[in-house]
Amino acid sequence: MTTIKISGTAPKFEQGVLEQRQHDYRYAYDVNGLYMEKITGGIGFLFLANVIEKSKRGYELAETLPITHEPFNYSCWMSKPQELRDIDLQESDERIKQEYIKQLEEERQRYRNLLTAQLLEADMIKEQKRLDNAKAKRMAEIEAEVNGTFAELIIPE
């Protein structure tokens, strides 16, 4: 009896699963503020220069997050312009697709390995059974030959 059993089949690519994963990431991107970038500067001048530079690129100050202006620790959060957000999301969609494909390929390979092991095990069991049957048959032949060679022991009374 085999000990390795495969149940089910390897998962197949499903567009709905991919779209759900991409949707989940987009939701997390918005909810967790992944479209934000922290702008810092050790001194006030560098901090303001960094804010101005980002502002020129279309970044906007986050109205809901605090601006830190402690000595040697200036920082604020700025949201990326929509074009950069779109690029982020396109890149994440492709990354998620590649991760999904990789996961499917790994799972498919795992099933292939399991099937190979199951078939090898079944073949070994079948071969062992054949050898056991041949050995039992040969032992029966030898026993018959031995019994034919020796007559029953006669003990006088």
Protein backbone atom coordinates (compact mmCIF):
# COMPACT_ATOMS: atom_id res chain seq x y z
CA MET A 1 0.00 0.00 0.00
CA THR A 2 1.34 3.42 -0.91
CA THR A 3 1.91 6.02 1.75
CA ILE A 4 2.08 8.99 -0.60
CA LYS A 5 -1.35 10.14 -1.77
CA ILE A 6 -2.05 13.17 -3.90
CA SER A 7 -5.37 14.86 -3.30
CA GLY A 8 -6.84 17.40 -5.65
CA THR A 9 -5.03 18.95 -8.56
CA ALA A 10 -2.46 21.67 -9.00
CA PRO A 11 -4.11 25.10 -9.07
CA LYS A 12 -4.59 26.73 -12.45
CA PHE A 13 -4.21 30.37 -13.38
CA GLU A 14 -7.42 32.23 -12.64
CA GLN A 15 -7.82 35.81 -13.75
CA GLY A 16 -10.30 36.48 -10.93
CA VAL A 17 -7.75 35.45 -8.28
CA LEU A 18 -5.11 37.71 -9.83
CA GLU A 19 -7.51 40.65 -10.01
CA GLN A 20 -8.54 40.14 -6.38
CA ARG A 21 -4.91 40.16 -5.25
CA GLN A 22 -4.25 43.31 -7.24
CA HIS A 23 -7.39 44.92 -5.85
CA ASP A 24 -6.35 44.03 -2.30
CA TYR A 25 -2.95 45.65 -2.80
CA ARG A 26 -4.51 48.78 -4.31
CA TYR A 27 -6.81 49.02 -1.31
CA ALA A 28 -3.86 48.66 1.10
CA TYR A 29 -1.92 51.23 -0.96
CA ASP A 30 -4.67 53.79 -0.41
CA VAL A 31 -5.64 52.91 3.16
CA ASN A 32 -2.10 52.63 4.53
CA GLY A 33 -0.82 55.75 2.81
CA LEU A 34 1.77 53.96 0.72
CA TYR A 35 1.45 56.83 -1.75
CA MET A 36 3.04 59.12 0.83
CA GLU A 37 6.70 59.93 1.17
CA LYS A 38 8.46 61.24 4.26
CA ILE A 39 10.56 64.31 3.57
CA THR A 40 13.34 64.99 6.09
CA GLY A 41 16.17 67.39 6.71
CA GLY A 42 18.74 67.74 9.46
CA ILE A 43 18.57 71.49 9.42
CA GLY A 44 15.68 73.78 8.54
CA PHE A 45 17.19 75.02 5.28
CA LEU A 46 17.77 71.50 3.89
CA PHE A 47 14.31 70.44 4.98
CA LEU A 48 12.67 73.37 3.20
CA ALA A 49 14.82 72.81 0.11
CA ASN A 50 13.68 69.15 0.02
CA VAL A 51 10.02 70.17 0.41
CA ILE A 52 10.34 72.75 -2.37
CA GLU A 53 12.04 70.23 -4.66
CA LYS A 54 9.29 67.65 -4.10
CA SER A 55 6.65 70.32 -4.54
CA LYS A 56 8.11 71.21 -7.94
CA ARG A 57 7.65 67.54 -8.93
CA GLY A 58 3.98 67.67 -7.99
CA TYR A 59 4.07 66.35 -4.44
CA GLU A 60 1.60 67.91 -1.99
CA LEU A 61 1.83 68.30 1.76
CA ALA A 62 -0.29 65.80 3.66
CA GLU A 63 -2.83 67.87 5.54
CA THR A 64 -3.70 65.17 8.06
CA LEU A 65 -0.19 64.23 9.18
CA PRO A 66 1.98 66.37 11.48
CA ILE A 67 5.01 68.36 10.47
CA THR A 68 7.96 67.86 12.81
CA HIS A 69 10.17 70.87 13.37
CA GLU A 70 12.38 69.87 16.24
CA PRO A 71 16.03 70.93 16.10
CA PHE A 72 17.96 68.64 13.72
CA ASN A 73 14.81 66.62 13.10
CA TYR A 74 12.64 68.28 10.49
CA SER A 75 10.15 66.13 8.62
CA CYS A 76 6.77 66.05 6.97
CA TRP A 77 4.75 63.71 4.78
CA MET A 78 3.95 64.53 1.17
CA SER A 79 1.65 62.66 -1.15
CA LYS A 80 2.91 61.60 -4.54
CA PRO A 81 1.36 63.12 -7.66
CA GLN A 82 -1.24 60.96 -9.42
CA GLU A 83 1.16 60.07 -12.27
CA LEU A 84 3.62 58.54 -9.80
CA ARG A 85 0.81 56.74 -7.99
CA ASP A 86 -0.33 55.26 -11.28
CA ILE A 87 3.22 54.10 -12.02
CA ASP A 88 3.46 52.56 -8.53
CA LEU A 89 0.20 50.71 -9.05
CA GLN A 90 1.17 49.49 -12.53
CA GLU A 91 4.46 48.19 -11.16
CA SER A 92 2.69 46.54 -8.24
CA ASP A 93 0.15 44.92 -10.59
CA GLU A 94 2.98 43.39 -12.60
CA ARG A 95 4.88 42.34 -9.47
CA ILE A 96 1.75 40.71 -8.03
CA LYS A 97 1.13 38.92 -11.32
CA GLN A 98 4.69 37.58 -11.38
CA GLU A 99 4.42 36.47 -7.73
CA TYR A 100 1.12 34.69 -8.52
CA ILE A 101 2.64 32.94 -11.54
CA LYS A 102 5.68 31.93 -9.49
CA GLN A 103 3.43 30.56 -6.75
CA LEU A 104 1.43 28.55 -9.32
CA GLU A 105 4.62 27.17 -10.88
CA GLU A 106 5.99 26.16 -7.47
CA GLU A 107 2.72 24.46 -6.55
CA ARG A 108 2.63 22.69 -9.92
CA GLN A 109 6.20 21.47 -9.38
CA ARG A 110 5.27 20.25 -5.90
CA TYR A 111 2.41 18.22 -7.40
CA ARG A 112 4.77 16.82 -10.08
CA ASN A 113 7.25 15.77 -7.39
CA LEU A 114 4.50 14.17 -5.32
CA LEU A 115 3.15 12.28 -8.33
CA THR A 116 6.63 11.09 -9.25
CA ALA A 117 7.20 9.89 -5.68
CA GLN A 118 3.78 8.22 -5.58
CA LEU A 119 4.36 6.40 -8.87
CA LEU A 120 7.86 5.32 -7.84
CA GLU A 121 6.55 4.05 -4.52
CA ALA A 122 3.71 2.16 -6.22
CA ASP A 123 6.20 0.64 -8.66
CA MET A 124 8.53 -0.39 -5.84
CA ILE A 125 5.64 -2.00 -3.97
CA LYS A 126 4.56 -3.84 -7.10
CA GLU A 127 8.12 -5.01 -7.73
CA GLN A 128 8.51 -6.12 -4.12
CA LYS A 129 5.24 -8.06 -4.32
CA ARG A 130 6.44 -9.73 -7.53
CA LEU A 131 9.74 -10.68 -5.86
CA ASP A 132 7.92 -11.97 -2.77
CA ASN A 133 5.61 -14.09 -4.95
CA ALA A 134 8.56 -15.44 -6.94
CA LYS A 135 10.42 -16.24 -3.70
CA ALA A 136 7.35 -17.97 -2.23
CA LYS A 137 6.90 -19.98 -5.43
CA ARG A 138 10.57 -20.96 -5.47
CA MET A 139 10.39 -21.91 -1.76
CA ALA A 140 7.36 -24.13 -2.53
CA GLU A 141 9.29 -25.80 -5.37
CA ILE A 142 12.31 -26.37 -3.12
CA GLU A 143 10.12 -27.76 -0.35
CA ALA A 144 8.44 -30.11 -2.84
CA GLU A 145 11.86 -31.24 -4.10
CA VAL A 146 13.09 -31.80 -0.53
CA ASN A 147 9.93 -33.73 0.36
CA GLY A 148 10.39 -35.82 -2.78
CA THR A 149 13.96 -36.60 -1.87
CA PHE A 150 13.26 -37.68 1.64
CA ALA A 151 10.67 -40.30 2.37
CA GLU A 152 8.72 -40.22 5.55
CA LEU A 153 10.63 -41.24 8.58
CA ILE A 154 9.67 -44.75 9.56
CA ILE A 155 10.05 -45.55 13.20
CA PRO A 156 9.77 -49.26 14.11
CA GLU A 157 7.56 -50.04 17.06
